[in-house]
Amino acid sequence: MALTRLVLGHESAGVVSKVGPSVTNVKVGDRVASMEPAATCRKCEACKEGRYQASMQICPDIVCAATPPTDGTLARYYRLPSDLAYPIPPNLSLEDGAMMEPLSVAVHAVPKLGDLRSKQSVAVFGCGPVGLLCMAVAKALGASRIIAIDIIPDRLEFAKAYAATDIFLPPSMDKGESGVAFSMRNAQAMKEKLSIAEHGPRAIDLVLDASGAEVCIQTGIRIAKSGGAFVQVGIDNPDITIDMFAVLCKELVLKGSFRYGPGDYPLAIALVASGKVDVKSLVSHRFPFTQAWEAFEITRNGKSPDGKGVIKVIVPSPDVDINEV
């Protein structure tokens, strides 16, 4: 397999340096939050239905930053359609703007696909950036209970301080235990420890999986209430086993969530600008562009040499002072 060079980056914000003659929504010098990184054809049936986000499986001519063969946004300049560049309110920084991309993923998953309402309960598997932002969006929308599930204790503690009302550390898998058997035991342990019911106010209205782990998906289906919803946000192994009998008998609504769609970026910006969602707390590390390699290394390792866990790493473009973003 031939290796080719590719510029990474798709969670970005910047300053407009040049516009075309027909552009009216932004001007040179404007700070733009979130350059939405996927540009589509705007002509196919999917685009006209407003479902442009779901890669080539829906819009066949999508072009997405850092997706071969298209370079990403970690560069001095990046060109994109003007309607995919959203102006940043005065009270937000460029760093805040870069966080709108993962926040838009959460906005797409929680209220749009999950249809979460005020006073409902939600469980989120995976306390990475997207999982944490799903919790933050749920909290902003008035969720009565937000359960965070992860296998890393430090991430659970962060989630509890950030947005979760409850946390759960799954037990270890027994030697020789199958994933299905473990998920059944794990779901039962969750129900007992957190007093999760199948019906009523202690039931879970919405389950979101931001981990992609098969056992998390299996567990999530088992803890969702009858008539509840399950939204898959993360991806790992695409071929997994699920309890379809539970899906049928509970009449669960299962949905896949891919990126974002119309209206998700504006809502994400509004949530942060109004103070309803905090994105600054998620930035755990910052590196100048000259140390980008180190930034990717600690992200891969999950923690920096000093032992601090990684949540979100910020790297500015070349010639940009890290203190100015």
Protein backbone atom coordinates (compact mmCIF):
# COMPACT_ATOMS: atom_id res chain seq x y z
CA MET A 1 0.00 0.00 0.00
CA ALA A 2 1.48 3.34 -1.07
CA LEU A 3 1.73 6.04 1.58
CA THR A 4 0.83 9.58 0.57
CA ARG A 5 1.20 12.87 2.42
CA LEU A 6 -1.98 14.39 3.79
CA VAL A 7 -2.49 17.59 5.77
CA LEU A 8 -4.62 16.83 8.83
CA GLY A 9 -7.19 18.99 10.62
CA HIS A 10 -10.94 19.45 10.42
CA GLU A 11 -11.87 21.15 13.72
CA SER A 12 -10.97 24.73 12.92
CA ALA A 13 -11.59 28.45 13.13
CA GLY A 14 -9.80 31.31 11.45
CA VAL A 15 -9.78 34.80 9.99
CA VAL A 16 -11.11 35.49 6.50
CA SER A 17 -8.25 36.54 4.21
CA LYS A 18 -10.04 36.72 0.85
CA VAL A 19 -13.60 36.41 -0.48
CA GLY A 20 -15.15 35.92 -3.88
CA PRO A 21 -17.16 38.67 -5.62
CA SER A 22 -20.53 37.10 -4.73
CA VAL A 23 -19.84 36.58 -1.01
CA THR A 24 -21.99 38.72 1.28
CA ASN A 25 -22.18 36.84 4.62
CA VAL A 26 -18.52 37.37 5.62
CA LYS A 27 -15.79 39.86 4.77
CA VAL A 28 -12.00 40.04 4.94
CA GLY A 29 -10.89 40.24 8.56
CA ASP A 30 -13.92 38.47 10.01
CA ARG A 31 -13.25 35.77 12.58
CA VAL A 32 -15.14 32.66 11.59
CA ALA A 33 -16.02 29.91 13.96
CA SER A 34 -15.94 26.64 12.60
CA MET A 35 -15.24 26.24 9.09
CA GLU A 36 -17.66 23.38 8.50
CA PRO A 37 -15.23 20.93 6.87
CA ALA A 38 -17.47 19.02 4.46
CA ALA A 39 -18.58 20.68 1.22
CA THR A 40 -21.18 18.88 -0.85
CA CYS A 41 -22.57 19.09 -4.37
CA ARG A 42 -25.81 20.87 -3.32
CA LYS A 43 -27.56 19.30 -6.31
CA CYS A 44 -28.21 15.65 -5.49
CA GLU A 45 -31.39 14.39 -3.84
CA ALA A 46 -29.69 13.98 -0.45
CA CYS A 47 -28.38 17.55 -0.44
CA LYS A 48 -31.78 18.93 -1.40
CA GLU A 49 -33.31 16.95 1.47
CA GLY A 50 -30.85 18.55 3.88
CA ARG A 51 -28.97 15.29 4.50
CA TYR A 52 -25.71 16.40 2.98
CA GLN A 53 -23.55 15.39 5.97
CA ALA A 54 -23.47 11.64 5.60
CA SER A 55 -20.39 11.15 3.42
CA MET A 56 -20.32 9.56 0.00
CA GLN A 57 -23.00 7.07 1.00
CA ILE A 58 -25.52 9.90 0.71
CA CYS A 59 -23.92 12.79 -1.23
CA PRO A 60 -21.63 11.16 -3.81
CA ASP A 61 -19.56 14.31 -4.43
CA ILE A 62 -18.76 15.38 -0.88
CA VAL A 63 -15.32 16.90 -0.24
CA CYS A 64 -14.20 16.76 3.39
CA ALA A 65 -11.11 18.21 5.03
CA ALA A 66 -8.43 15.67 5.98
CA THR A 67 -10.25 12.93 4.09
CA PRO A 68 -8.16 11.50 1.23
CA PRO A 69 -7.44 12.92 -1.22
CA THR A 70 -8.42 16.29 0.31
CA ASP A 71 -5.97 18.05 2.65
CA GLY A 72 -7.13 19.32 6.02
CA THR A 73 -7.22 22.68 7.75
CA LEU A 74 -3.94 22.65 9.70
CA ALA A 75 -2.41 25.16 7.31
CA ARG A 76 -2.04 28.91 6.71
CA TYR A 77 -4.98 29.00 4.30
CA TYR A 78 -8.01 26.85 3.63
CA ARG A 79 -10.64 27.49 0.97
CA LEU A 80 -14.31 26.64 1.48
CA PRO A 81 -17.79 27.88 0.47
CA SER A 82 -18.70 31.03 2.39
CA ASP A 83 -21.90 29.58 3.83
CA LEU A 84 -19.80 26.99 5.66
CA ALA A 85 -17.90 29.72 7.54
CA TYR A 86 -19.82 30.92 10.59
CA PRO A 87 -18.89 34.28 12.17
CA ILE A 88 -17.72 34.10 15.78
CA PRO A 89 -19.57 36.28 18.33
CA PRO A 90 -17.32 38.86 20.04
CA ASN A 91 -17.29 36.95 23.33
CA LEU A 92 -15.81 33.78 21.77
CA SER A 93 -12.18 33.11 20.91
CA LEU A 94 -10.79 31.34 17.86
CA GLU A 95 -10.08 28.42 20.16
CA ASP A 96 -13.76 28.33 21.10
CA GLY A 97 -14.58 28.45 17.41
CA ALA A 98 -12.49 25.38 16.67
CA MET A 99 -14.52 23.46 19.25
CA MET A 100 -17.74 24.06 17.33
CA GLU A 101 -17.06 21.09 15.08
CA PRO A 102 -17.21 18.38 17.78
CA LEU A 103 -19.97 20.32 19.55
CA SER A 104 -22.00 20.25 16.33
CA VAL A 105 -21.63 16.47 16.31
CA ALA A 106 -23.20 16.42 19.78
CA VAL A 107 -25.95 18.85 18.76
CA HIS A 108 -26.78 16.61 15.80
CA ALA A 109 -26.90 13.50 17.98
CA VAL A 110 -28.72 14.70 21.10
CA PRO A 111 -31.60 17.04 20.18
CA LYS A 112 -31.87 16.44 16.45
CA LEU A 113 -31.63 12.64 16.23
CA GLY A 114 -32.16 11.72 19.89
CA ASP A 115 -35.02 14.20 20.25
CA LEU A 116 -34.06 14.77 23.89
CA ARG A 117 -36.52 16.91 25.84
CA SER A 118 -36.28 18.77 29.12
CA LYS A 119 -36.62 16.57 32.23
CA GLN A 120 -35.67 13.41 30.32
CA SER A 121 -32.74 11.17 31.25
CA VAL A 122 -29.76 10.20 29.12
CA ALA A 123 -26.86 7.74 29.36
CA VAL A 124 -23.65 8.37 27.41
CA PHE A 125 -21.05 5.67 26.80
CA GLY A 126 -17.57 7.10 26.30
CA CYS A 127 -16.13 10.17 28.05
CA GLY A 128 -13.99 11.42 25.20
CA PRO A 129 -14.59 14.90 23.71
CA VAL A 130 -17.72 13.94 21.76
CA GLY A 131 -19.23 11.99 24.64
CA LEU A 132 -18.56 14.84 27.07
CA LEU A 133 -20.10 17.34 24.67
CA CYS A 134 -23.17 15.12 24.30
CA MET A 135 -23.52 15.36 28.08
CA ALA A 136 -23.04 19.12 27.97
CA VAL A 137 -25.74 19.53 25.31
CA ALA A 138 -28.10 17.30 27.30
CA LYS A 139 -27.48 19.41 30.39
CA ALA A 140 -28.09 22.63 28.43
CA LEU A 141 -31.39 21.22 27.19
CA GLY A 142 -32.56 20.50 30.73
CA ALA A 143 -31.95 16.75 31.06
CA SER A 144 -32.89 15.59 34.56
CA ARG A 145 -30.29 12.83 34.71
CA ILE A 146 -27.05 12.36 32.76
CA ILE A 147 -25.16 9.09 33.28
CA ALA A 148 -21.55 8.88 32.09
CA ILE A 149 -19.99 5.47 31.43
CA ASP A 150 -16.27 4.86 30.79
CA ILE A 151 -13.49 2.45 31.72
CA ILE A 152 -11.06 5.23 32.72
CA PRO A 153 -11.70 6.53 36.26
CA ASP A 154 -10.07 9.94 35.64
CA ARG A 155 -12.38 10.58 32.70
CA LEU A 156 -15.38 9.66 34.78
CA GLU A 157 -14.35 12.12 37.47
CA PHE A 158 -13.95 14.82 34.85
CA ALA A 159 -17.37 13.98 33.42
CA LYS A 160 -18.96 14.26 36.88
CA ALA A 161 -17.44 17.69 37.41
CA TYR A 162 -18.30 18.79 33.87
CA ALA A 163 -21.87 17.72 33.11
CA ALA A 164 -22.82 14.25 34.40
CA THR A 165 -25.11 13.68 37.37
CA ASP A 166 -24.06 10.01 37.72
CA ILE A 167 -21.03 7.98 36.67
CA PHE A 168 -20.49 4.26 36.19
CA LEU A 169 -17.23 2.31 35.94
CA PRO A 170 -17.97 -1.09 34.33
CA PRO A 171 -16.64 -4.23 36.01
CA SER A 172 -13.76 -6.14 34.44
CA MET A 173 -14.56 -8.84 31.94
CA ASP A 174 -14.08 -12.34 33.36
CA LYS A 175 -11.61 -14.70 31.72
CA GLY A 176 -13.34 -16.56 28.89
CA GLU A 177 -16.49 -14.44 29.21
CA SER A 178 -18.12 -13.52 25.92
CA GLY A 179 -18.96 -9.95 25.05
CA VAL A 180 -22.67 -10.73 25.06
CA ALA A 181 -22.50 -12.34 28.50
CA PHE A 182 -20.46 -9.43 29.82
CA SER A 183 -22.90 -6.86 28.44
CA MET A 184 -25.78 -8.63 30.17
CA ARG A 185 -23.90 -8.63 33.48
CA ASN A 186 -22.77 -5.05 32.96
CA ALA A 187 -26.31 -3.84 32.21
CA GLN A 188 -27.63 -5.58 35.32
CA ALA A 189 -24.87 -4.02 37.43
CA MET A 190 -25.76 -0.58 36.09
CA LYS A 191 -29.44 -1.07 36.81
CA GLU A 192 -28.75 -2.17 40.37
CA LYS A 193 -26.14 0.44 41.25
CA LEU A 194 -27.91 3.39 39.63
CA SER A 195 -31.52 2.26 40.23
CA ILE A 196 -32.32 2.26 36.53
CA ALA A 197 -35.85 1.09 35.75
CA GLU A 198 -37.52 -0.11 32.55
CA HIS A 199 -40.39 2.36 32.96
CA GLY A 200 -41.15 5.56 34.83
CA PRO A 201 -38.98 8.40 36.12
CA ARG A 202 -35.95 6.13 36.79
CA ALA A 203 -35.90 4.85 33.20
CA ILE A 204 -33.40 6.01 30.55
CA ASP A 205 -35.09 7.90 27.72
CA LEU A 206 -32.03 8.23 25.47
CA VAL A 207 -28.81 6.23 25.22
CA LEU A 208 -25.89 7.56 23.18
CA ASP A 209 -22.79 5.53 22.42
CA ALA A 210 -19.73 7.66 21.70
CA SER A 211 -17.26 4.82 22.22
CA GLY A 212 -17.93 2.49 19.31
CA ALA A 213 -17.15 -0.48 21.58
CA GLU A 214 -19.35 -3.51 20.92
CA VAL A 215 -20.01 -4.25 24.61
CA CYS A 216 -21.04 -0.64 25.19
CA ILE A 217 -23.56 -0.82 22.36
CA GLN A 218 -24.89 -4.12 23.68
CA THR A 219 -25.14 -2.72 27.22
CA GLY A 220 -26.79 0.48 26.02
CA ILE A 221 -29.57 -1.39 24.25
CA ARG A 222 -30.22 -3.37 27.43
CA ILE A 223 -30.51 -0.32 29.72
CA ALA A 224 -32.65 1.83 27.42
CA LYS A 225 -36.27 2.07 28.50
CA SER A 226 -39.13 0.49 26.58
CA GLY A 227 -40.01 2.88 23.79
CA GLY A 228 -36.72 4.72 24.27
CA ALA A 229 -34.08 5.80 21.76
CA PHE A 230 -30.52 4.70 21.06
CA VAL A 231 -28.20 6.87 18.95
CA GLN A 232 -24.86 5.52 17.71
CA VAL A 233 -22.27 8.29 17.49
CA GLY A 234 -18.90 6.51 17.78
CA ILE A 235 -17.51 3.86 15.45
CA ASP A 236 -15.03 1.04 15.90
CA ASN A 237 -15.70 -2.44 14.55
CA PRO A 238 -18.53 -2.08 12.02
CA ASP A 239 -19.63 -5.71 12.34
CA ILE A 240 -21.10 -6.36 15.78
CA THR A 241 -23.70 -8.50 17.51
CA ILE A 242 -26.72 -6.85 19.14
CA ASP A 243 -29.78 -8.21 20.91
CA MET A 244 -32.40 -7.64 18.22
CA PHE A 245 -35.01 -9.32 20.43
CA ALA A 246 -34.55 -6.50 22.97
CA VAL A 247 -34.80 -3.93 20.18
CA LEU A 248 -38.05 -5.43 18.96
CA CYS A 249 -39.70 -6.10 22.32
CA LYS A 250 -38.81 -2.64 23.66
CA GLU A 251 -39.70 -1.00 20.35
CA LEU A 252 -36.46 0.95 20.55
CA VAL A 253 -35.69 3.66 18.02
CA LEU A 254 -32.15 3.05 16.75
CA LYS A 255 -30.39 5.78 14.77
CA GLY A 256 -26.91 6.34 13.41
CA SER A 257 -25.43 9.82 13.77
CA PHE A 258 -22.83 10.98 11.24
CA ARG A 259 -21.22 14.41 11.59
CA TYR A 260 -23.85 17.18 11.52
CA GLY A 261 -26.47 18.79 9.32
CA PRO A 262 -28.37 22.01 8.64
CA GLY A 263 -28.69 24.21 11.71
CA ASP A 264 -26.29 22.26 13.92
CA TYR A 265 -23.38 24.73 13.74
CA PRO A 266 -25.53 27.81 14.49
CA LEU A 267 -27.09 26.06 17.51
CA ALA A 268 -23.65 24.97 18.75
CA ILE A 269 -22.36 28.55 18.51
CA ALA A 270 -25.45 29.88 20.30
CA LEU A 271 -25.09 27.38 23.16
CA VAL A 272 -21.49 28.45 23.80
CA ALA A 273 -22.07 32.18 23.25
CA SER A 274 -24.95 32.14 25.75
CA GLY A 275 -22.88 30.31 28.36
CA LYS A 276 -25.04 27.19 28.31
CA VAL A 277 -22.17 24.96 27.14
CA ASP A 278 -18.55 25.27 28.30
CA VAL A 279 -15.95 24.23 25.73
CA LYS A 280 -12.90 25.85 27.32
CA SER A 281 -12.70 23.19 30.05
CA LEU A 282 -12.21 20.47 27.46
CA VAL A 283 -8.94 21.92 26.13
CA SER A 284 -6.36 19.98 28.11
CA HIS A 285 -3.23 20.78 26.09
CA ARG A 286 -1.94 23.48 23.74
CA PHE A 287 1.06 23.27 21.40
CA PRO A 288 2.57 25.70 18.88
CA PHE A 289 2.57 24.54 15.26
CA THR A 290 6.27 23.67 15.49
CA GLN A 291 5.38 21.04 18.09
CA ALA A 292 2.44 19.56 16.20
CA TRP A 293 4.09 16.15 16.08
CA GLU A 294 4.25 16.10 19.90
CA ALA A 295 0.56 17.08 20.01
CA PHE A 296 -0.39 14.09 17.87
CA GLU A 297 1.84 11.79 19.92
CA ILE A 298 0.22 12.63 23.26
CA THR A 299 -3.20 12.33 21.66
CA ARG A 300 -2.29 8.84 20.49
CA ASN A 301 -0.92 7.92 23.92
CA GLY A 302 -3.88 9.38 25.81
CA LYS A 303 -1.71 11.43 28.16
CA SER A 304 1.27 13.77 28.15
CA PRO A 305 4.68 12.92 29.65
CA ASP A 306 3.65 14.61 32.90
CA GLY A 307 0.82 12.08 33.24
CA LYS A 308 -2.00 14.51 32.50
CA GLY A 309 -4.84 12.90 30.57
CA VAL A 310 -5.65 14.21 27.12
CA ILE A 311 -9.13 15.44 26.29
CA LYS A 312 -8.64 18.04 23.55
CA VAL A 313 -5.40 19.39 22.07
CA ILE A 314 -5.18 22.77 20.32
CA VAL A 315 -2.57 23.45 17.61
CA PRO A 316 -2.61 26.84 15.82
CA SER A 317 -1.68 27.27 12.17
CA PRO A 318 1.87 28.26 11.13
CA ASP A 319 2.94 31.79 12.22
CA VAL A 320 0.05 32.04 14.72
CA ASP A 321 0.94 32.64 18.37
CA ILE A 322 -0.72 30.04 20.60
CA ASN A 323 -1.53 32.87 23.04
CA GLU A 324 -3.55 34.76 20.42
CA VAL A 325 -6.19 32.12 19.69
